[in-house]
């Protein structure tokens, strides 16, 4: 019976993060919601650029656009 270390990696990382937060007395829920809010703000700032990039790269792939 061998245990694959890769299958234990995520549970070990989550346990380590929970123990670290417990030791530092971090409010994990507040930290999670603050991080999610910041992530959404960044997403809203970069989405227009991503849409433009995808549109122009698709247009460049069209046969008629390269004359």
Protein backbone atom coordinates (compact mmCIF):
# COMPACT_ATOMS: atom_id res chain seq x y z
CA UNK A 1 0.00 0.00 0.00
CA UNK A 2 1.79 3.11 -1.24
CA UNK A 3 0.50 6.62 -0.81
CA UNK A 4 1.00 8.95 -3.73
CA UNK A 5 2.40 12.26 -2.43
CA UNK A 6 0.58 14.20 -5.17
CA UNK A 7 -2.81 13.05 -3.84
CA UNK A 8 -1.90 14.41 -0.40
CA UNK A 9 -0.47 17.72 -1.58
CA UNK A 10 -3.67 19.80 -1.63
CA UNK A 11 -5.02 18.52 1.72
CA UNK A 12 -1.61 19.14 3.31
CA UNK A 13 -1.46 22.68 1.90
CA UNK A 14 -4.98 23.45 3.11
CA UNK A 15 -4.18 22.08 6.57
CA UNK A 16 -0.96 24.10 6.73
CA UNK A 17 -2.80 27.29 5.72
CA UNK A 18 -5.51 26.67 8.31
CA UNK A 19 -2.93 26.06 11.06
CA UNK A 20 -0.97 29.16 10.04
CA UNK A 21 -4.15 31.29 10.15
CA UNK A 22 -5.09 29.79 13.51
CA UNK A 23 -1.64 30.56 14.90
CA UNK A 24 -1.75 34.15 13.66
CA UNK A 25 -5.40 34.58 14.64
CA UNK A 26 -6.39 35.64 11.13
CA UNK A 27 -10.07 35.94 10.32
CA UNK A 28 -10.01 33.63 7.32
CA UNK A 29 -13.50 34.52 6.09
CA UNK A 30 -12.72 38.25 6.01
CA UNK A 31 -9.41 37.58 4.25
CA UNK A 32 -11.17 35.38 1.70
CA UNK A 33 -13.90 37.91 0.93
CA UNK A 34 -11.37 40.76 0.69
CA UNK A 35 -9.25 38.74 -1.73
CA UNK A 36 -12.29 37.81 -3.83
CA UNK A 37 -13.39 41.44 -3.97
CA UNK A 38 -9.93 42.54 -5.10
CA UNK A 39 -9.84 39.77 -7.70
CA UNK A 40 -13.17 40.85 -9.16
CA UNK A 41 -11.97 44.45 -9.33
CA UNK A 42 -8.90 43.37 -11.28
CA UNK A 43 -11.04 41.19 -13.54
CA UNK A 44 -13.34 44.10 -14.38
CA UNK A 45 -10.32 46.24 -15.27
CA UNK A 46 -8.73 43.71 -17.65
CA UNK A 47 -11.81 42.19 -19.35
CA UNK A 48 -12.10 44.93 -22.03
CA UNK A 49 -8.47 44.39 -23.00
CA UNK A 50 -8.95 40.63 -23.13
CA UNK A 51 -12.02 40.97 -25.33
CA UNK A 52 -10.14 43.29 -27.70
CA UNK A 53 -7.19 40.90 -27.83
CA UNK A 54 -9.40 37.91 -28.58
CA UNK A 55 -11.33 39.84 -31.24
CA UNK A 56 -8.21 41.07 -33.03
CA UNK A 57 -6.49 37.68 -32.89
CA UNK A 58 -9.60 36.07 -34.37
CA UNK A 59 -9.72 38.71 -37.10
CA UNK A 60 -6.07 38.07 -37.92
CA UNK A 61 -6.86 34.37 -38.43
CA UNK A 62 -9.41 35.13 -41.13
CA UNK A 63 -8.15 34.42 -44.62
CA UNK A 64 -9.55 37.65 -46.08
CA UNK A 65 -7.82 39.85 -43.48
CA UNK A 66 -4.36 38.96 -44.79
CA UNK A 67 -4.33 40.40 -48.30
